[in-house]
Amino acid sequence: MSQATMTKPSTSAKSTYDPYASMDGQDASASSYQADSVPAEPQYKLVIDENVVEKISSKAAQKIDGIIDMKGNLLSRVQEGLGGNDKTKGVDADVVDDKNTKLDLDIVLEYGKSATDVFDQIKKVVGQDIKDMTGLNVIEMTVNVVDVMTQDEYDQKNGNNTDDGQSGYSNDQ
């Protein structure tokens, strides 16, 4: 029977894999040279909050003839009932990425106005205001006409008084 003899490898010979090779003075100076030679560039990023997009959209839509109001949710009605004002009422925005946004608008259409004409105006005005103020492109917009009423009906419903102080009474008596 023969015996296998194990010999200790020679310590004077360098192995092919050296896990500490990168820690040599020569390699460290080369890597530090590369890091020092590349100038650090600052990174800038503009972040637009969805609330801002909603507020801009709401203000832009209210400028359009044919929209009596934006229809808010329960929270909006509670805020208005307490004397507050919901600046994002009737708008839901989703900022998709740093260049694009999606919008859902709930409007009260003025009776007698063309919904398609109002819709075209909304696309133009709201889309342009969003682009001008934030740089975001509106890639999707859904306009929900949730109610239709005359300006007089709206004023009565909301307790707005448009005459000379005689709420609900005519002066021709």
C-alpha atoms as a PDB file:
ATOM      1  CA  MET A   1       0.000   0.000   0.000  1.00  0.00           C
ATOM      2  CA  SER A   2       1.196   3.341  -0.786  1.00  0.00           C
ATOM      3  CA  GLN A   3       0.611   6.389   1.250  1.00  0.00           C
ATOM      4  CA  ALA A   4      -0.267   9.722  -0.164  1.00  0.00           C
ATOM      5  CA  THR A   5       2.038  12.331   1.051  1.00  0.00           C
ATOM      6  CA  MET A   6       0.906  15.885   1.476  1.00  0.00           C
ATOM      7  CA  THR A   7       3.373  18.587   1.168  1.00  0.00           C
ATOM      8  CA  LYS A   8       3.003  22.116   2.378  1.00  0.00           C
ATOM      9  CA  PRO A   9       2.979  24.580  -0.457  1.00  0.00           C
ATOM     10  CA  SER A  10       5.931  26.809  -0.683  1.00  0.00           C
ATOM     11  CA  THR A  11       5.358  30.232   0.906  1.00  0.00           C
ATOM     12  CA  SER A  12       7.819  31.898  -1.389  1.00  0.00           C
ATOM     13  CA  ALA A  13       5.715  31.264  -4.507  1.00  0.00           C
ATOM     14  CA  LYS A  14       2.812  33.663  -5.095  1.00  0.00           C
ATOM     15  CA  SER A  15      -0.577  32.042  -5.695  1.00  0.00           C
ATOM     16  CA  THR A  16      -2.760  32.960  -8.654  1.00  0.00           C
ATOM     17  CA  TYR A  17      -5.546  34.362  -6.457  1.00  0.00           C
ATOM     18  CA  ASP A  18      -4.699  36.850  -3.770  1.00  0.00           C
ATOM     19  CA  PRO A  19      -7.748  38.214  -1.922  1.00  0.00           C
ATOM     20  CA  TYR A  20      -5.600  40.949  -0.393  1.00  0.00           C
ATOM     21  CA  ALA A  21      -4.086  42.125  -3.671  1.00  0.00           C
ATOM     22  CA  SER A  22      -6.319  45.170  -3.783  1.00  0.00           C
ATOM     23  CA  MET A  23      -4.891  46.254  -0.465  1.00  0.00           C
ATOM     24  CA  ASP A  24      -1.417  46.631  -1.914  1.00  0.00           C
ATOM     25  CA  GLY A  25      -0.080  50.145  -1.864  1.00  0.00           C
ATOM     26  CA  GLN A  26       0.179  50.191  -5.647  1.00  0.00           C
ATOM     27  CA  ASP A  27      -3.469  49.185  -6.259  1.00  0.00           C
ATOM     28  CA  ALA A  28      -4.794  51.548  -3.589  1.00  0.00           C
ATOM     29  CA  SER A  29      -3.000  54.500  -5.112  1.00  0.00           C
ATOM     30  CA  ALA A  30      -4.431  53.641  -8.546  1.00  0.00           C
ATOM     31  CA  SER A  31      -7.996  53.442  -7.253  1.00  0.00           C
ATOM     32  CA  SER A  32      -7.666  56.649  -5.265  1.00  0.00           C
ATOM     33  CA  TYR A  33      -6.280  58.368  -8.341  1.00  0.00           C
ATOM     34  CA  GLN A  34      -9.390  57.394 -10.288  1.00  0.00           C
ATOM     35  CA  ALA A  35     -11.736  58.637  -7.549  1.00  0.00           C
ATOM     36  CA  ASP A  36      -9.862  61.938  -7.239  1.00  0.00           C
ATOM     37  CA  SER A  37      -9.743  62.561 -10.980  1.00  0.00           C
ATOM     38  CA  VAL A  38     -13.538  62.332 -11.439  1.00  0.00           C
ATOM     39  CA  PRO A  39     -15.210  65.573 -10.316  1.00  0.00           C
ATOM     40  CA  ALA A  40     -18.281  65.087  -8.170  1.00  0.00           C
ATOM     41  CA  GLU A  41     -21.373  66.368 -10.000  1.00  0.00           C
ATOM     42  CA  PRO A  42     -24.249  67.584  -7.838  1.00  0.00           C
ATOM     43  CA  GLN A  43     -27.567  65.960  -8.553  1.00  0.00           C
ATOM     44  CA  TYR A  44     -30.626  68.203  -8.711  1.00  0.00           C
ATOM     45  CA  LYS A  45     -34.187  67.003  -8.601  1.00  0.00           C
ATOM     46  CA  LEU A  46     -37.449  68.961  -8.655  1.00  0.00           C
ATOM     47  CA  VAL A  47     -40.293  67.121  -6.935  1.00  0.00           C
ATOM     48  CA  ILE A  48     -43.848  68.328  -7.529  1.00  0.00           C
ATOM     49  CA  ASP A  49     -46.349  67.153  -4.919  1.00  0.00           C
ATOM     50  CA  GLU A  50     -49.673  65.793  -6.159  1.00  0.00           C
ATOM     51  CA  ASN A  51     -51.443  68.356  -3.976  1.00  0.00           C
ATOM     52  CA  VAL A  52     -49.801  71.150  -5.986  1.00  0.00           C
ATOM     53  CA  VAL A  53     -50.958  69.634  -9.282  1.00  0.00           C
ATOM     54  CA  GLU A  54     -54.478  69.299  -7.864  1.00  0.00           C
ATOM     55  CA  LYS A  55     -54.536  72.916  -6.711  1.00  0.00           C
ATOM     56  CA  ILE A  56     -53.304  74.258 -10.066  1.00  0.00           C
ATOM     57  CA  SER A  57     -55.844  72.102 -11.908  1.00  0.00           C
ATOM     58  CA  SER A  58     -58.711  73.253  -9.715  1.00  0.00           C
ATOM     59  CA  LYS A  59     -57.833  76.942 -10.103  1.00  0.00           C
ATOM     60  CA  ALA A  60     -57.394  76.574 -13.870  1.00  0.00           C
ATOM     61  CA  ALA A  61     -60.696  74.723 -14.306  1.00  0.00           C
ATOM     62  CA  GLN A  62     -62.616  77.355 -12.345  1.00  0.00           C
ATOM     63  CA  LYS A  63     -61.530  79.994 -14.882  1.00  0.00           C
ATOM     64  CA  ILE A  64     -63.450  78.186 -17.624  1.00  0.00           C
ATOM     65  CA  ASP A  65     -66.871  79.464 -18.653  1.00  0.00           C
ATOM     66  CA  GLY A  66     -69.419  76.684 -18.230  1.00  0.00           C
ATOM     67  CA  ILE A  67     -68.027  75.221 -15.022  1.00  0.00           C
ATOM     68  CA  ILE A  68     -70.105  76.346 -12.060  1.00  0.00           C
ATOM     69  CA  ASP A  69     -68.118  74.450  -9.451  1.00  0.00           C
ATOM     70  CA  MET A  70     -65.836  71.517  -8.809  1.00  0.00           C
ATOM     71  CA  LYS A  71     -67.489  68.655  -6.965  1.00  0.00           C
ATOM     72  CA  GLY A  72     -65.576  67.711  -3.846  1.00  0.00           C
ATOM     73  CA  ASN A  73     -65.694  64.684  -1.605  1.00  0.00           C
ATOM     74  CA  LEU A  74     -67.033  64.444   1.948  1.00  0.00           C
ATOM     75  CA  LEU A  75     -63.919  66.067   3.419  1.00  0.00           C
ATOM     76  CA  SER A  76     -64.365  69.068   1.093  1.00  0.00           C
ATOM     77  CA  ARG A  77     -67.974  69.487   2.181  1.00  0.00           C
ATOM     78  CA  VAL A  78     -67.013  69.317   5.864  1.00  0.00           C
ATOM     79  CA  GLN A  79     -64.260  71.927   5.354  1.00  0.00           C
ATOM     80  CA  GLU A  80     -66.659  74.253   3.540  1.00  0.00           C
ATOM     81  CA  GLY A  81     -69.322  73.715   6.199  1.00  0.00           C
ATOM     82  CA  LEU A  82     -66.860  74.901   8.815  1.00  0.00           C
ATOM     83  CA  GLY A  83     -66.054  78.018   6.815  1.00  0.00           C
ATOM     84  CA  GLY A  84     -62.944  76.646   5.156  1.00  0.00           C
ATOM     85  CA  ASN A  85     -62.137  76.315   1.510  1.00  0.00           C
ATOM     86  CA  ASP A  86     -60.773  73.193  -0.163  1.00  0.00           C
ATOM     87  CA  LYS A  87     -58.386  74.443  -2.866  1.00  0.00           C
ATOM     88  CA  THR A  88     -58.104  70.992  -4.454  1.00  0.00           C
ATOM     89  CA  LYS A  89     -61.814  70.221  -4.505  1.00  0.00           C
ATOM     90  CA  GLY A  90     -62.930  68.067  -7.404  1.00  0.00           C
ATOM     91  CA  VAL A  91     -59.459  67.095  -8.597  1.00  0.00           C
ATOM     92  CA  ASP A  92     -57.467  63.930  -8.097  1.00  0.00           C
ATOM     93  CA  ALA A  93     -53.923  63.946  -9.496  1.00  0.00           C
ATOM     94  CA  ASP A  94     -51.391  61.181  -9.851  1.00  0.00           C
ATOM     95  CA  VAL A  95     -47.828  62.261 -10.615  1.00  0.00           C
ATOM     96  CA  VAL A  96     -46.632  59.256 -12.617  1.00  0.00           C
ATOM     97  CA  ASP A  97     -42.961  60.218 -12.819  1.00  0.00           C
ATOM     98  CA  ASP A  98     -40.841  63.360 -12.978  1.00  0.00           C
ATOM     99  CA  LYS A  99     -42.343  64.310 -16.367  1.00  0.00           C
ATOM    100  CA  ASN A 100     -45.946  63.099 -16.446  1.00  0.00           C
ATOM    101  CA  THR A 101     -49.190  63.312 -14.520  1.00  0.00           C
ATOM    102  CA  LYS A 102     -52.745  61.967 -14.722  1.00  0.00           C
ATOM    103  CA  LEU A 103     -55.828  63.944 -13.700  1.00  0.00           C
ATOM    104  CA  ASP A 104     -59.436  63.199 -12.734  1.00  0.00           C
ATOM    105  CA  LEU A 105     -61.752  66.215 -12.477  1.00  0.00           C
ATOM    106  CA  ASP A 106     -65.333  66.235 -11.173  1.00  0.00           C
ATOM    107  CA  ILE A 107     -67.233  69.272 -12.428  1.00  0.00           C
ATOM    108  CA  VAL A 108     -70.669  70.817 -12.109  1.00  0.00           C
ATOM    109  CA  LEU A 109     -71.638  71.931 -15.612  1.00  0.00           C
ATOM    110  CA  GLU A 110     -73.681  75.068 -16.158  1.00  0.00           C
ATOM    111  CA  TYR A 111     -77.044  74.266 -17.708  1.00  0.00           C
ATOM    112  CA  GLY A 112     -77.163  75.235 -21.392  1.00  0.00           C
ATOM    113  CA  LYS A 113     -73.398  74.900 -21.965  1.00  0.00           C
ATOM    114  CA  SER A 114     -71.919  72.274 -24.255  1.00  0.00           C
ATOM    115  CA  ALA A 115     -70.116  69.569 -22.278  1.00  0.00           C
ATOM    116  CA  THR A 116     -67.811  68.849 -25.233  1.00  0.00           C
ATOM    117  CA  ASP A 117     -66.861  72.535 -25.611  1.00  0.00           C
ATOM    118  CA  VAL A 118     -66.185  72.813 -21.885  1.00  0.00           C
ATOM    119  CA  PHE A 119     -64.153  69.596 -22.040  1.00  0.00           C
ATOM    120  CA  ASP A 120     -62.029  70.990 -24.887  1.00  0.00           C
ATOM    121  CA  GLN A 121     -61.407  74.155 -22.871  1.00  0.00           C
ATOM    122  CA  ILE A 122     -60.454  72.116 -19.798  1.00  0.00           C
ATOM    123  CA  LYS A 123     -57.925  70.100 -21.785  1.00  0.00           C
ATOM    124  CA  LYS A 124     -56.386  73.267 -23.187  1.00  0.00           C
ATOM    125  CA  VAL A 125     -56.375  75.509 -20.096  1.00  0.00           C
ATOM    126  CA  VAL A 126     -55.611  72.944 -17.391  1.00  0.00           C
ATOM    127  CA  GLY A 127     -53.023  71.132 -19.494  1.00  0.00           C
ATOM    128  CA  GLN A 128     -51.230  74.372 -20.345  1.00  0.00           C
ATOM    129  CA  ASP A 129     -51.266  75.679 -16.758  1.00  0.00           C
ATOM    130  CA  ILE A 130     -49.844  72.380 -15.464  1.00  0.00           C
ATOM    131  CA  LYS A 131     -47.132  72.407 -18.151  1.00  0.00           C
ATOM    132  CA  ASP A 132     -46.231  76.068 -17.609  1.00  0.00           C
ATOM    133  CA  MET A 133     -46.099  75.913 -13.817  1.00  0.00           C
ATOM    134  CA  THR A 134     -44.637  72.458 -13.171  1.00  0.00           C
ATOM    135  CA  GLY A 135     -43.147  71.208 -16.436  1.00  0.00           C
ATOM    136  CA  LEU A 136     -45.329  68.105 -16.194  1.00  0.00           C
ATOM    137  CA  ASN A 137     -47.191  66.740 -19.208  1.00  0.00           C
ATOM    138  CA  VAL A 138     -50.794  65.687 -18.701  1.00  0.00           C
ATOM    139  CA  ILE A 139     -50.808  62.214 -20.234  1.00  0.00           C
ATOM    140  CA  GLU A 140     -54.327  61.295 -19.158  1.00  0.00           C
ATOM    141  CA  MET A 141     -57.295  63.412 -18.123  1.00  0.00           C
ATOM    142  CA  THR A 142     -60.770  62.231 -17.176  1.00  0.00           C
ATOM    143  CA  VAL A 143     -63.470  64.853 -16.707  1.00  0.00           C
ATOM    144  CA  ASN A 144     -66.578  63.623 -14.909  1.00  0.00           C
ATOM    145  CA  VAL A 145     -69.651  65.809 -15.263  1.00  0.00           C
ATOM    146  CA  VAL A 146     -71.279  64.983 -11.930  1.00  0.00           C
ATOM    147  CA  ASP A 147     -74.089  67.559 -11.957  1.00  0.00           C
ATOM    148  CA  VAL A 148     -75.707  70.186 -14.145  1.00  0.00           C
ATOM    149  CA  MET A 149     -77.488  73.292 -12.853  1.00  0.00           C
ATOM    150  CA  THR A 150     -78.140  76.923 -13.633  1.00  0.00           C
ATOM    151  CA  GLN A 151     -76.188  79.648 -11.903  1.00  0.00           C
ATOM    152  CA  ASP A 152     -79.365  80.642 -10.007  1.00  0.00           C
ATOM    153  CA  GLU A 153     -79.882  77.073  -8.755  1.00  0.00           C
ATOM    154  CA  TYR A 154     -76.275  76.935  -7.634  1.00  0.00           C
ATOM    155  CA  ASP A 155     -76.559  80.277  -5.825  1.00  0.00           C
ATOM    156  CA  GLN A 156     -79.751  79.186  -4.038  1.00  0.00           C
ATOM    157  CA  LYS A 157     -78.266  75.836  -3.066  1.00  0.00           C
ATOM    158  CA  ASN A 158     -75.193  77.485  -1.572  1.00  0.00           C
ATOM    159  CA  GLY A 159     -76.981  80.392   0.055  1.00  0.00           C
ATOM    160  CA  ASN A 160     -75.361  82.943  -2.237  1.00  0.00           C
ATOM    161  CA  ASN A 161     -77.352  86.136  -2.474  1.00  0.00           C
ATOM    162  CA  THR A 162     -77.071  87.987  -5.781  1.00  0.00           C
ATOM    163  CA  ASP A 163     -79.795  90.596  -5.320  1.00  0.00           C
ATOM    164  CA  ASP A 164     -79.842  93.728  -3.129  1.00  0.00           C
ATOM    165  CA  GLY A 165     -79.958  91.975   0.228  1.00  0.00           C
ATOM    166  CA  GLN A 166     -83.490  90.549   0.060  1.00  0.00           C
ATOM    167  CA  SER A 167     -82.829  86.848   0.269  1.00  0.00           C
ATOM    168  CA  GLY A 168     -85.700  84.881  -1.257  1.00  0.00           C
ATOM    169  CA  TYR A 169     -88.036  87.844  -1.700  1.00  0.00           C
ATOM    170  CA  SER A 170     -88.800  89.941  -4.739  1.00  0.00           C
ATOM    171  CA  ASN A 171     -88.833  93.723  -4.646  1.00  0.00           C
ATOM    172  CA  ASP A 172     -91.870  94.023  -6.986  1.00  0.00           C
ATOM    173  CA  GLN A 173     -94.544  93.874  -4.277  1.00  0.00           C
END
